Protein backbone atom coordinates (compact mmCIF):
# COMPACT_ATOMS: atom_id res chain seq x y z
CA MET A 1 4.01 23.45 -3.31
CA PRO A 2 0.96 23.54 -5.18
CA PRO A 3 -2.18 25.01 -2.54
CA PHE A 4 -4.16 21.44 -0.92
CA CYS A 5 -0.91 19.12 -1.82
CA PRO A 6 -1.34 15.41 -0.39
CA ASP A 7 1.41 13.91 1.41
CA MET A 8 0.88 11.16 0.09
CA ALA A 9 -0.61 9.71 -3.03
CA SER A 10 -0.49 6.08 -4.64
CA LEU A 11 2.16 5.49 -7.68
CA ALA A 12 1.48 2.13 -9.75
CA VAL A 13 4.72 1.65 -11.41
CA GLY A 14 3.45 -0.56 -14.26
CA SER A 15 0.62 -1.41 -15.90
CA ASN A 16 -1.58 -5.09 -15.36
CA ASN A 17 -4.42 -6.93 -16.67
CA CYS A 18 -7.76 -6.58 -14.84
CA PRO A 19 -10.64 -8.98 -15.61
CA THR A 20 -12.47 -6.52 -18.14
CA ARG A 21 -9.52 -4.01 -18.99
CA VAL A 22 -5.74 -3.15 -19.17
CA TYR A 23 -4.62 -0.91 -16.08
CA GLY A 24 -2.17 0.88 -18.13
CA ASN A 25 0.56 3.01 -16.55
CA PRO A 26 2.75 3.03 -19.49
CA PRO A 27 6.86 4.34 -18.72
CA ASP A 28 6.39 7.99 -19.74
CA LEU A 29 3.14 8.19 -18.01
CA VAL A 30 4.82 6.46 -14.47
CA ASP A 31 8.12 8.73 -14.95
CA TRP A 32 5.94 11.96 -14.99
CA LEU A 33 3.43 11.36 -12.05
CA ALA A 34 7.28 10.78 -9.75
CA SER A 35 8.92 13.61 -11.54
CA GLU A 36 5.42 15.81 -10.43
CA MET A 37 5.49 14.05 -6.91
CA GLN A 38 9.24 15.09 -6.39
CA LYS A 39 8.44 18.20 -7.10
CA SER A 40 5.56 18.66 -5.10
CA ASP A 41 7.36 16.52 -2.27
CA VAL A 42 4.54 14.24 -2.24
CA LYS A 43 5.78 10.73 -1.07
CA PRO A 44 4.51 7.88 -3.27
CA GLU A 45 2.98 4.90 -1.99
CA ILE A 46 3.91 2.37 -4.78
CA GLU A 47 0.68 0.39 -5.53
CA ALA A 48 2.58 -3.58 -6.75
CA PHE A 49 0.37 -5.71 -8.44
CA ASP A 50 2.61 -8.20 -9.34
CA LEU A 51 6.59 -8.96 -9.14
CA SER A 52 7.47 -6.30 -11.78
CA HIS A 53 6.45 -3.45 -10.22
CA ILE A 54 8.46 -4.20 -7.05
CA PHE A 55 11.22 -4.25 -9.42
CA GLN A 56 10.51 -1.43 -11.22
CA ALA A 57 9.97 0.63 -8.15
CA VAL A 58 13.53 -0.04 -6.90
CA LYS A 59 15.03 0.47 -10.40
CA MET A 60 13.41 3.73 -9.95
CA SER A 61 14.65 4.41 -6.45
CA ARG A 62 18.13 3.40 -7.45
CA ASP A 63 18.21 5.96 -10.17
CA SER A 64 16.41 9.08 -8.34
CA ARG A 65 13.03 8.78 -9.59
CA LEU A 66 12.05 7.90 -6.31
CA LYS A 67 12.78 8.84 -2.95
CA ALA A 68 14.07 6.45 -0.87
CA PRO A 69 12.74 4.80 1.50
CA LEU A 70 10.12 2.94 -0.41
CA TYR A 71 6.68 2.50 1.09
CA VAL A 72 5.39 -0.21 -1.12
CA GLN A 73 1.50 -2.08 -0.90
CA PHE A 74 1.13 -5.09 -2.55
CA VAL A 75 -2.63 -5.02 -3.95
CA THR A 76 -3.59 -9.12 -3.77
CA GLY A 77 -6.92 -10.58 -4.60
CA VAL A 78 -7.47 -8.73 -8.13
CA ARG A 79 -8.14 -11.31 -10.53
CA ASN A 80 -4.88 -11.37 -13.29
CA ALA A 81 -2.53 -9.84 -10.88
CA MET A 82 -0.94 -10.99 -7.69
CA PRO A 83 -2.92 -13.80 -5.96
CA ALA A 84 -4.41 -13.97 -2.70
CA ASP A 85 -1.54 -17.06 -2.09
CA ARG A 86 0.07 -16.96 1.10
CA PRO A 87 3.49 -18.68 -0.51
CA SER A 88 3.58 -15.94 -3.50
CA PHE A 89 2.83 -13.11 -0.40
CA GLU A 90 5.75 -14.84 1.86
CA PHE A 91 7.73 -14.57 -1.72
CA TYR A 92 6.85 -11.26 -2.84
CA VAL A 93 8.11 -9.64 1.01
CA GLU A 94 11.00 -11.56 1.23
CA THR A 95 12.14 -10.37 -2.13
CA LEU A 96 11.13 -6.42 -1.33
CA LYS A 97 13.40 -6.99 2.00
CA ARG A 98 16.05 -8.37 -0.31
CA ILE A 99 16.13 -5.90 -2.60
CA ALA A 100 14.91 -2.85 -0.66
CA PRO A 101 15.60 -3.73 3.16
CA ASP A 102 14.88 -0.39 4.43
CA ALA A 103 11.01 -0.31 2.87
CA GLU A 104 8.10 -0.41 4.68
CA TRP A 105 5.19 -2.50 3.23
CA CYS A 106 1.89 -3.21 3.63
CA GLY A 107 -1.21 -4.71 1.92
CA ALA A 108 -4.63 -4.58 0.67
CA GLY A 109 -6.84 -7.39 0.15
CA ILE A 110 -9.71 -6.77 -2.60
CA GLY A 111 -12.85 -8.78 -2.31
CA ARG A 112 -13.66 -11.52 -0.46
CA HIS A 113 -9.89 -12.23 0.89
CA GLN A 114 -9.78 -8.88 2.96
CA ILE A 115 -9.74 -9.80 5.94
CA GLU A 116 -7.35 -13.31 5.59
CA ILE A 117 -4.97 -10.83 3.80
CA ASN A 118 -4.89 -8.26 6.34
CA GLU A 119 -3.64 -10.83 8.48
CA TRP A 120 -1.10 -11.76 6.35
CA PHE A 121 0.43 -8.31 6.58
CA ILE A 122 -0.36 -7.65 10.14
CA ALA A 123 1.16 -10.99 11.67
CA PRO A 124 4.94 -10.65 10.36
CA ASP A 125 5.45 -7.11 10.92
CA GLY A 126 4.25 -5.21 8.25
CA HIS A 127 1.18 -3.09 7.80
CA THR A 128 -2.57 -3.47 6.54
CA ARG A 129 -5.13 -1.25 4.64
CA THR A 130 -8.61 -1.96 5.00
CA GLY A 131 -11.92 -0.34 4.41
CA LEU A 132 -14.92 -0.13 2.30
CA GLU A 133 -12.65 0.70 -0.99
CA ASP A 134 -11.13 -3.01 -1.23
CA ASN A 135 -14.11 -4.72 0.52
CA VAL A 136 -17.76 -3.31 0.74
CA ARG A 137 -18.92 -6.84 3.28
CA LEU A 138 -17.64 -8.06 6.83
CA ASP A 139 -18.15 -11.48 5.54
CA ASN A 140 -20.21 -13.59 3.19
CA ASP A 141 -23.31 -12.95 4.47
CA ARG A 142 -23.25 -9.17 6.34
CA LEU A 143 -22.72 -5.74 4.21
CA ALA A 144 -19.78 -3.64 6.52
CA PRO A 145 -22.38 -1.15 7.77
CA SER A 146 -19.67 1.67 7.98
CA ASN A 147 -16.20 1.78 6.91
CA ALA A 148 -15.09 1.96 10.64
CA ALA A 149 -16.39 -2.11 10.52
CA PRO A 150 -13.38 -3.31 9.10
CA VAL A 151 -11.04 -1.11 10.26
CA ARG A 152 -12.53 -2.05 13.80
CA ARG A 153 -11.69 -5.90 12.76
CA ALA A 154 -8.48 -4.51 11.28
CA ALA A 155 -7.80 -2.87 14.61
CA GLU A 156 -8.46 -6.46 16.81
CA LEU A 157 -6.23 -8.09 14.61
CA CYS A 158 -3.63 -6.35 15.34
CA ALA A 159 -4.14 -6.69 19.17
CA ARG A 160 -4.36 -10.38 18.68
CA HIS A 161 -0.56 -9.91 17.34
CA GLY A 162 0.18 -7.87 19.81
CA ARG A 163 0.94 -5.22 17.18
CA PRO A 164 -0.25 -2.11 18.48
CA VAL A 165 -2.30 0.42 16.23
CA ALA A 166 -0.62 3.44 15.10
CA SER A 167 -1.59 7.12 16.13
CA PRO A 168 -1.87 9.64 13.49
CA VAL A 169 1.26 11.00 14.77
CA GLU A 170 3.33 7.33 14.56
CA ALA A 171 1.85 6.67 11.25
CA ARG A 172 3.24 9.91 9.92
CA ALA A 173 6.39 8.89 11.49
CA ILE A 174 6.72 5.25 9.91
CA LEU A 175 5.52 6.60 6.37
CA GLY A 176 8.46 9.55 6.60
CA LEU A 177 6.20 11.84 6.50
CA PRO A 178 6.44 15.73 8.43
CA PRO A 179 4.33 16.05 10.96
CA VAL A 180 1.53 18.23 10.99
CA PRO A 181 1.98 21.83 12.62
CA ALA A 182 -0.31 22.43 15.56
CA LYS A 183 -3.69 24.57 14.50
CA GLY A 184 -2.86 27.98 14.85
CA VAL A 185 0.94 28.09 14.32
């Protein structure tokens, strides 16, 4: 394994239109990135920006370009991509569960929909991503004072839905990552 190799990295398996540009992920690039991740034993976090990305990730898993079980992150709220729409979200999750029943999944709510989308993903047994990368505001009137503020808010949503917040060790197990060796070993 190369030095300073991450345990996990994002992999978008398809392209999509953003508001001012194309977020291009041509098939040759995706295959090369997936191959490099496998060589280095890096688990891909599949960033799904639309329905075709879910099907592509499953296809790549079935033909051994990606290792199962998949970890799929639904990226919602980016204009011209997956909408921040509850019925659409439920359809995406149902589709993933149908075609990749062993997959873990999470969601990221980009921009003003972050808190609402965090709750959509936490409530039915998914996982959520939160933080300043996706939204710098706590609400319409307040900037988040730190990354800890949206994380604390997501933890409060977990408590409200009876979902414990995973410890680092538990999170690594959920993600299928190896334990971190004890210091000094």
